């Protein structure tokens, strides 16, 4: 049966694999409760006392460490350093996996705790309080950006000398992005630019390759294309293009003859009557177009109507044929328009030779 002293001893320092009833976590055998001031390099101790004042609550006992870590994360550089030291002590005193579990149970972000440890390690490695104070002016993000620098470069920057083309005063005034761009290794910058150029060239070549493959497929398909498909493709494109051109002409007509026309403003009733005629004629055409498109969607499905694929575009040879077909269609519509104009003029009568009409095929 255990004695009272043995029980007290086990509470103060649990053996390997035993549970600490206070925290509910397993401690590493090397840990023992310590209520003395948390040990850290003298220059860092001096900086923290100077910046934060006496921090007597930051001792080696577990709850003080957790409290210091959590409080330090809410502070600026000095607080982050202190938090990092507290988290480092806790991490080293707990078995693998237990530190992360405790962070989660106390609702402390794991990344924040480990970042704080890195901040502490950076400043703990600096040689004296002058360097610590100087680099602390940078703030956490910019200070961590120079963690990988040679110690001599860090100290030179702290002393006010220009390192990689930048001084401490200039660095303090810069934004984080400007600072990062300034201190980057020139070779890395050059490499990034080259990679970006190559990536752009790669995309261009891939697009060109896709286009060439499409042209080859078009050429092969053109040779083997049935007559009905060739006719539908080429004439369909020509007619659709004519609709687009007719819409452009209709827009010009409405603008020139109705909206911006000075004479039309003098006859508002006739202007509105003409506008109604044009509008409802266009609406009727739109309804027919919509009905045709819906019919095709139902007939051919999303595989055809959902997305414009390369195979739905004309090959170069087909495009030339469609262009010729469009020319014929345009000439016919131009002749019809001419004849309508002739009818309007001839109906007015008056002097002069009647306007000749064109033969329409």
Protein backbone atom coordinates (compact mmCIF):
# COMPACT_ATOMS: atom_id res chain seq x y z
CA UNK A 1 0.00 0.00 0.00
CA UNK A 2 1.41 3.39 -0.99
CA UNK A 3 2.40 5.93 1.64
CA UNK A 4 1.30 9.58 1.61
CA UNK A 5 4.81 10.72 0.65
CA UNK A 6 4.91 8.29 -2.27
CA UNK A 7 1.57 9.61 -3.52
CA UNK A 8 2.70 13.23 -3.26
CA UNK A 9 5.89 12.36 -5.12
CA UNK A 10 3.90 10.80 -7.97
CA UNK A 11 1.63 13.89 -8.25
CA UNK A 12 4.63 16.23 -8.43
CA UNK A 13 6.42 14.19 -11.10
CA UNK A 14 4.36 11.42 -12.81
CA UNK A 15 6.34 8.46 -14.03
CA UNK A 16 6.66 7.65 -17.75
CA UNK A 17 3.27 6.61 -19.13
CA UNK A 18 1.26 7.80 -16.11
CA UNK A 19 -1.45 10.41 -16.40
CA UNK A 20 -1.21 13.88 -14.88
CA UNK A 21 -4.58 14.29 -13.12
CA UNK A 22 -4.31 18.10 -13.39
CA UNK A 23 -3.90 18.27 -17.21
CA UNK A 24 -5.17 14.87 -18.34
CA UNK A 25 -2.02 14.39 -20.46
CA UNK A 26 0.97 12.08 -20.31
CA UNK A 27 4.25 13.74 -19.44
CA UNK A 28 7.72 12.85 -20.62
CA UNK A 29 9.85 11.43 -17.77
CA UNK A 30 12.32 14.31 -17.89
CA UNK A 31 9.73 16.94 -16.93
CA UNK A 32 9.24 18.18 -13.42
CA UNK A 33 7.17 21.09 -12.19
CA UNK A 34 9.20 24.29 -11.91
CA UNK A 35 7.85 27.47 -10.40
CA UNK A 36 11.02 29.48 -11.06
CA UNK A 37 11.37 32.11 -13.80
CA UNK A 38 11.36 30.59 -17.29
CA UNK A 39 14.95 30.39 -18.55
CA UNK A 40 15.93 32.14 -21.80
CA UNK A 41 19.00 33.93 -23.24
CA UNK A 42 19.99 37.03 -21.25
CA UNK A 43 19.65 39.45 -24.17
CA UNK A 44 16.12 38.21 -24.84
CA UNK A 45 15.20 38.33 -21.16
CA UNK A 46 16.39 41.94 -21.04
CA UNK A 47 14.43 42.87 -24.18
CA UNK A 48 11.21 41.30 -22.92
CA UNK A 49 11.50 42.93 -19.50
CA UNK A 50 12.19 46.25 -21.16
CA UNK A 51 9.25 45.87 -23.54
CA UNK A 52 6.69 44.03 -21.41
CA UNK A 53 7.85 44.84 -17.88
CA UNK A 54 8.29 42.13 -15.26
CA UNK A 55 6.43 38.99 -16.27
CA UNK A 56 6.48 37.14 -12.97
CA UNK A 57 3.60 34.85 -13.98
CA UNK A 58 5.73 33.31 -16.72
CA UNK A 59 7.20 30.48 -14.72
CA UNK A 60 7.89 26.86 -15.45
CA UNK A 61 4.60 25.54 -14.09
CA UNK A 62 2.24 24.19 -16.72
CA UNK A 63 -0.74 26.51 -16.38
CA UNK A 64 1.48 29.63 -16.37
CA UNK A 65 3.08 28.41 -19.59
CA UNK A 66 -0.25 27.84 -21.33
CA UNK A 67 -1.52 31.21 -20.12
CA UNK A 68 1.64 32.96 -21.35
CA UNK A 69 1.45 31.26 -24.72
CA UNK A 70 -2.19 32.09 -25.29
CA UNK A 71 -1.76 35.70 -24.12
CA UNK A 72 1.41 36.22 -26.17
CA UNK A 73 -0.29 35.19 -29.41
CA UNK A 74 -2.59 38.20 -29.07
CA UNK A 75 0.38 40.60 -28.82
CA UNK A 76 3.00 42.02 -31.17
CA UNK A 77 6.64 40.92 -31.56
CA UNK A 78 7.64 40.74 -27.87
CA UNK A 79 4.47 38.83 -27.00
CA UNK A 80 5.03 36.36 -29.86
CA UNK A 81 8.60 35.75 -28.64
CA UNK A 82 7.34 35.04 -25.13
CA UNK A 83 4.59 32.77 -26.47
CA UNK A 84 7.15 30.88 -28.53
CA UNK A 85 9.33 30.24 -25.47
CA UNK A 86 6.30 29.02 -23.48
CA UNK A 87 5.15 26.70 -26.27
CA UNK A 88 8.69 25.41 -26.76
CA UNK A 89 8.90 24.47 -23.07
CA UNK A 90 5.51 22.76 -23.19
CA UNK A 91 6.31 20.89 -26.41
CA UNK A 92 9.60 19.59 -25.02
CA UNK A 93 7.99 18.46 -21.77
CA UNK A 94 5.16 16.45 -23.33
CA UNK A 95 5.26 13.14 -25.16
CA UNK A 96 4.93 13.14 -28.97
CA UNK A 97 1.37 13.96 -30.04
CA UNK A 98 0.34 15.30 -26.64
CA UNK A 99 1.32 18.89 -27.42
CA UNK A 100 -0.94 19.04 -30.49
CA UNK A 101 -3.76 17.39 -28.55
CA UNK A 102 -3.46 19.97 -25.78
CA UNK A 103 -3.41 22.83 -28.30
CA UNK A 104 -6.65 21.53 -29.79
CA UNK A 105 -8.32 21.08 -26.40
CA UNK A 106 -7.37 24.65 -25.43
CA UNK A 107 -8.55 26.00 -28.83
CA UNK A 108 -5.11 27.28 -29.83
CA UNK A 109 -4.28 27.04 -33.56
CA UNK A 110 -1.45 24.56 -34.08
CA UNK A 111 0.12 26.67 -36.83
CA UNK A 112 0.11 29.76 -34.61
CA UNK A 113 1.89 27.92 -31.80
CA UNK A 114 4.59 26.51 -34.07
CA UNK A 115 5.04 29.89 -35.79
CA UNK A 116 5.57 31.46 -32.36
CA UNK A 117 8.24 28.85 -31.57
CA UNK A 118 10.06 29.78 -34.80
CA UNK A 119 9.88 33.47 -33.86
CA UNK A 120 11.41 32.72 -30.47
CA UNK A 121 14.19 30.63 -32.01
CA UNK A 122 15.05 33.45 -34.42
CA UNK A 123 15.41 36.10 -31.70
CA UNK A 124 17.02 33.71 -29.19
CA UNK A 125 19.90 33.19 -31.65
CA UNK A 126 20.68 36.92 -31.92
CA UNK A 127 23.87 38.00 -30.10
CA UNK A 128 22.77 41.00 -28.02
CA UNK A 129 19.84 43.17 -27.02
CA UNK A 130 20.78 45.84 -29.60
CA UNK A 131 20.31 43.42 -32.50
CA UNK A 132 17.12 42.06 -30.94
CA UNK A 133 15.65 45.55 -30.55
CA UNK A 134 16.65 46.55 -34.08
CA UNK A 135 15.20 43.51 -35.85
CA UNK A 136 12.07 43.55 -33.69
CA UNK A 137 11.18 46.82 -35.43
CA UNK A 138 10.58 44.82 -38.62
CA UNK A 139 7.59 43.04 -37.17
CA UNK A 140 7.04 39.29 -37.19
CA UNK A 141 6.52 38.63 -40.91
CA UNK A 142 9.51 40.62 -42.17
CA UNK A 143 11.74 39.37 -39.35
CA UNK A 144 10.91 35.76 -40.23
CA UNK A 145 11.78 36.51 -43.87
CA UNK A 146 15.44 37.00 -42.85
CA UNK A 147 15.63 33.95 -40.57
CA UNK A 148 17.58 32.00 -43.18
CA UNK A 149 20.12 34.81 -43.68
CA UNK A 150 23.68 34.44 -42.56
CA UNK A 151 24.12 35.74 -38.99
CA UNK A 152 26.55 38.39 -40.23
CA UNK A 153 23.94 39.75 -42.65
CA UNK A 154 21.31 39.87 -39.90
CA UNK A 155 23.66 41.80 -37.63
CA UNK A 156 24.73 44.11 -40.46
CA UNK A 157 21.10 44.98 -41.21
CA UNK A 158 20.49 45.59 -37.49
CA UNK A 159 23.47 47.95 -37.34
CA UNK A 160 22.03 50.11 -40.15
CA UNK A 161 24.18 48.83 -43.01
CA UNK A 162 22.66 48.06 -46.41
CA UNK A 163 22.19 44.34 -47.00
CA UNK A 164 20.93 43.12 -50.39
CA UNK A 165 20.33 46.74 -51.29
CA UNK A 166 18.18 47.58 -48.29
CA UNK A 167 18.71 49.26 -44.91
CA UNK A 168 16.85 48.68 -41.65
CA UNK A 169 15.06 52.06 -41.81
CA UNK A 170 13.90 51.38 -45.37
CA UNK A 171 12.81 47.86 -44.44
CA UNK A 172 10.70 49.15 -41.55
CA UNK A 173 8.86 51.55 -43.88
CA UNK A 174 8.24 48.95 -46.60
CA UNK A 175 5.16 46.79 -46.89
CA UNK A 176 5.68 43.07 -46.42
CA UNK A 177 5.25 42.47 -50.14
CA UNK A 178 7.77 45.17 -51.08
CA UNK A 179 10.24 43.79 -48.55
CA UNK A 180 9.88 40.23 -49.84
CA UNK A 181 10.46 41.34 -53.43
CA UNK A 182 13.48 43.41 -52.43
CA UNK A 183 15.31 40.71 -50.47
CA UNK A 184 14.65 37.83 -52.81
CA UNK A 185 17.67 36.17 -54.34
CA UNK A 186 18.16 37.74 -57.82
CA UNK A 187 18.75 34.29 -59.29
CA UNK A 188 15.39 33.12 -57.94
CA UNK A 189 13.68 36.17 -59.40
CA UNK A 190 15.32 35.50 -62.75
CA UNK A 191 14.31 31.84 -62.55
CA UNK A 192 10.68 32.75 -61.74
CA UNK A 193 10.52 35.06 -64.76
CA UNK A 194 11.96 32.37 -66.99
CA UNK A 195 9.45 29.84 -65.66
CA UNK A 196 6.59 32.28 -66.33
CA UNK A 197 7.86 32.84 -69.88
CA UNK A 198 8.16 29.11 -70.52
CA UNK A 199 4.70 28.48 -69.08
CA UNK A 200 3.24 31.10 -71.42
CA UNK A 201 5.10 29.57 -74.37
CA UNK A 202 3.87 26.14 -73.34
CA UNK A 203 0.26 27.33 -73.32
CA UNK A 204 0.73 28.91 -76.73
CA UNK A 205 2.23 25.74 -78.17
CA UNK A 206 -0.55 23.62 -76.67
CA UNK A 207 -3.16 25.88 -78.27
CA UNK A 208 -1.32 25.72 -81.60
CA UNK A 209 -1.10 21.92 -81.35
CA UNK A 210 -4.83 21.71 -80.64
CA UNK A 211 -5.54 23.94 -83.63
CA UNK A 212 -3.33 21.85 -85.93
CA UNK A 213 -4.98 18.63 -84.76
CA UNK A 214 -8.36 20.20 -85.41
CA UNK A 215 -7.35 21.28 -88.90
CA UNK A 216 -6.09 17.80 -89.71
CA UNK A 217 -9.32 16.29 -88.42
CA UNK A 218 -11.31 18.82 -90.45
CA UNK A 219 -9.34 17.97 -93.57
CA UNK A 220 -9.89 14.26 -93.03
CA UNK A 221 -13.59 14.78 -92.28
CA UNK A 222 -14.05 16.99 -95.35
CA UNK A 223 -12.86 14.19 -97.59
CA UNK A 224 -15.28 11.71 -96.04
CA UNK A 225 -18.19 14.08 -95.29
CA UNK A 226 -21.61 13.13 -96.79
CA UNK A 227 -23.15 15.73 -99.08
CA UNK A 228 -26.10 16.50 -96.74
CA UNK A 229 -23.71 17.33 -93.86
CA UNK A 230 -21.47 19.51 -96.02
CA UNK A 231 -24.48 21.40 -97.37
CA UNK A 232 -26.05 21.90 -93.92
CA UNK A 233 -22.81 23.08 -92.35
CA UNK A 234 -21.77 25.51 -95.08
CA UNK A 235 -25.20 26.95 -95.89
CA UNK A 236 -26.17 27.07 -92.21
CA UNK A 237 -23.15 29.17 -91.35
CA UNK A 238 -23.78 31.46 -94.32
CA UNK A 239 -27.44 31.97 -93.37
CA UNK A 240 -26.62 32.55 -89.70
CA UNK A 241 -24.03 35.11 -90.73
CA UNK A 242 -26.65 36.79 -92.90
CA UNK A 243 -28.95 36.98 -89.86
CA UNK A 244 -26.16 38.71 -87.96
CA UNK A 245 -25.65 41.15 -90.83
CA UNK A 246 -29.40 41.75 -91.04
CA UNK A 247 -29.47 42.49 -87.31
CA UNK A 248 -26.70 45.03 -87.79
CA UNK A 249 -28.66 46.62 -90.64
CA UNK A 250 -31.80 46.62 -88.48
CA UNK A 251 -29.94 48.34 -85.63
CA UNK A 252 -28.67 50.98 -88.07
CA UNK A 253 -32.17 51.46 -89.48
CA UNK A 254 -33.76 52.00 -86.05
CA UNK A 255 -30.98 54.39 -84.99
CA UNK A 256 -30.79 56.42 -88.23
CA UNK A 257 -34.47 56.47 -89.22
CA UNK A 258 -36.28 56.50 -85.86
CA UNK A 259 -34.14 57.38 -82.85
CA UNK A 260 -31.69 60.00 -84.21
CA UNK A 261 -33.76 61.20 -87.19
CA UNK A 262 -34.70 64.92 -87.02
CA UNK A 263 -37.68 64.53 -89.34
CA UNK A 264 -39.05 61.69 -87.21
CA UNK A 265 -39.11 64.01 -84.19
CA UNK A 266 -41.46 66.34 -86.09
CA UNK A 267 -43.96 63.54 -86.64
CA UNK A 268 -44.15 61.63 -83.32
CA UNK A 269 -47.29 59.68 -84.29
CA UNK A 270 -45.70 58.35 -87.46
CA UNK A 271 -42.46 57.74 -85.59
CA UNK A 272 -44.27 55.55 -83.05
CA UNK A 273 -46.25 53.76 -85.77
CA UNK A 274 -43.03 52.96 -87.66
CA UNK A 275 -41.27 51.89 -84.44
CA UNK A 276 -44.14 49.53 -83.62
CA UNK A 277 -43.96 47.97 -87.07
CA UNK A 278 -40.22 47.34 -86.78
CA UNK A 279 -40.41 46.11 -83.18
CA UNK A 280 -43.14 43.55 -83.71
CA UNK A 281 -41.57 42.30 -86.93
CA UNK A 282 -38.28 41.79 -85.09
CA UNK A 283 -40.13 40.15 -82.19
CA UNK A 284 -41.75 37.73 -84.60
CA UNK A 285 -38.32 36.89 -86.08
CA UNK A 286 -36.94 36.40 -82.57
CA UNK A 287 -39.78 34.02 -81.70
CA UNK A 288 -39.07 31.96 -84.79
CA UNK A 289 -35.35 31.84 -83.99
CA UNK A 290 -36.08 30.83 -80.39
CA UNK A 291 -38.45 28.09 -81.55
CA UNK A 292 -35.84 26.76 -83.97
CA UNK A 293 -33.13 26.68 -81.29
CA UNK A 294 -35.42 24.92 -78.80
CA UNK A 295 -36.35 22.35 -81.43
CA UNK A 296 -32.68 21.64 -82.10
CA UNK A 297 -31.94 21.36 -78.36
CA UNK A 298 -34.68 18.77 -77.99
CA UNK A 299 -33.60 16.88 -81.09
CA UNK A 300 -29.81 16.81 -80.56
CA UNK A 301 -29.33 17.25 -76.80
CA UNK A 302 -26.56 18.85 -74.73
CA UNK A 303 -23.80 16.89 -76.48
CA UNK A 304 -24.41 19.05 -79.56
CA UNK A 305 -26.03 22.22 -78.23
CA UNK A 306 -24.34 22.53 -74.83
CA UNK A 307 -20.87 23.65 -75.85
CA UNK A 308 -19.18 24.93 -79.01
CA UNK A 309 -16.68 22.18 -79.78
CA UNK A 310 -13.94 22.40 -82.38
CA UNK A 311 -15.66 19.84 -84.60
CA UNK A 312 -18.67 22.15 -84.94
CA UNK A 313 -16.60 24.87 -86.62
CA UNK A 314 -15.87 24.95 -90.33
CA UNK A 315 -12.57 23.91 -91.81
CA UNK A 316 -10.68 26.45 -93.88
CA UNK A 317 -12.00 24.97 -97.11
CA UNK A 318 -15.57 24.86 -95.82
CA UNK A 319 -15.30 28.45 -94.61
CA UNK A 320 -14.38 29.55 -98.15
CA UNK A 321 -17.44 27.77 -99.55
CA UNK A 322 -19.65 29.33 -96.83
CA UNK A 323 -18.20 32.74 -97.67
CA UNK A 324 -19.14 32.29 -101.32
CA UNK A 325 -22.64 31.16 -100.28
CA UNK A 326 -22.96 34.23 -98.07
CA UNK A 327 -21.95 36.43 -100.98
CA UNK A 328 -24.77 34.97 -103.08
CA UNK A 329 -27.26 35.47 -100.23
CA UNK A 330 -26.10 39.04 -99.66
CA UNK A 331 -26.40 39.90 -103.35
CA UNK A 332 -29.93 38.51 -103.45
CA UNK A 333 -30.94 40.53 -100.37
CA UNK A 334 -29.27 43.64 -101.78
CA UNK A 335 -31.20 43.24 -105.03
CA UNK A 336 -34.47 42.81 -103.13
CA UNK A 337 -33.71 45.91 -101.03
CA UNK A 338 -32.96 47.86 -104.24
CA UNK A 339 -36.26 46.77 -105.75
CA UNK A 340 -38.19 47.79 -102.64
CA UNK A 341 -36.56 51.23 -102.83
CA UNK A 342 -37.47 51.42 -106.55
CA UNK A 343 -41.10 50.57 -105.76
CA UNK A 344 -41.27 53.30 -103.12
CA UNK A 345 -39.86 55.94 -105.48
CA UNK A 346 -41.89 54.89 -108.48
CA UNK A 347 -45.10 54.94 -106.43
CA UNK A 348 -44.51 58.62 -105.64
CA UNK A 349 -44.56 59.44 -109.35
CA UNK A 350 -43.49 62.91 -110.47
CA UNK A 351 -40.96 63.91 -113.05
CA UNK A 352 -37.92 61.91 -114.00
CA UNK A 353 -37.23 58.46 -115.28
CA UNK A 354 -38.66 55.59 -113.21
CA UNK A 355 -36.10 53.66 -111.15
CA UNK A 356 -35.13 50.35 -112.76
CA UNK A 357 -35.60 47.13 -110.82
CA UNK A 358 -33.05 44.32 -110.73
CA UNK A 359 -33.61 40.73 -111.70
CA UNK A 360 -33.49 38.49 -108.63
CA UNK A 361 -32.54 34.84 -109.03
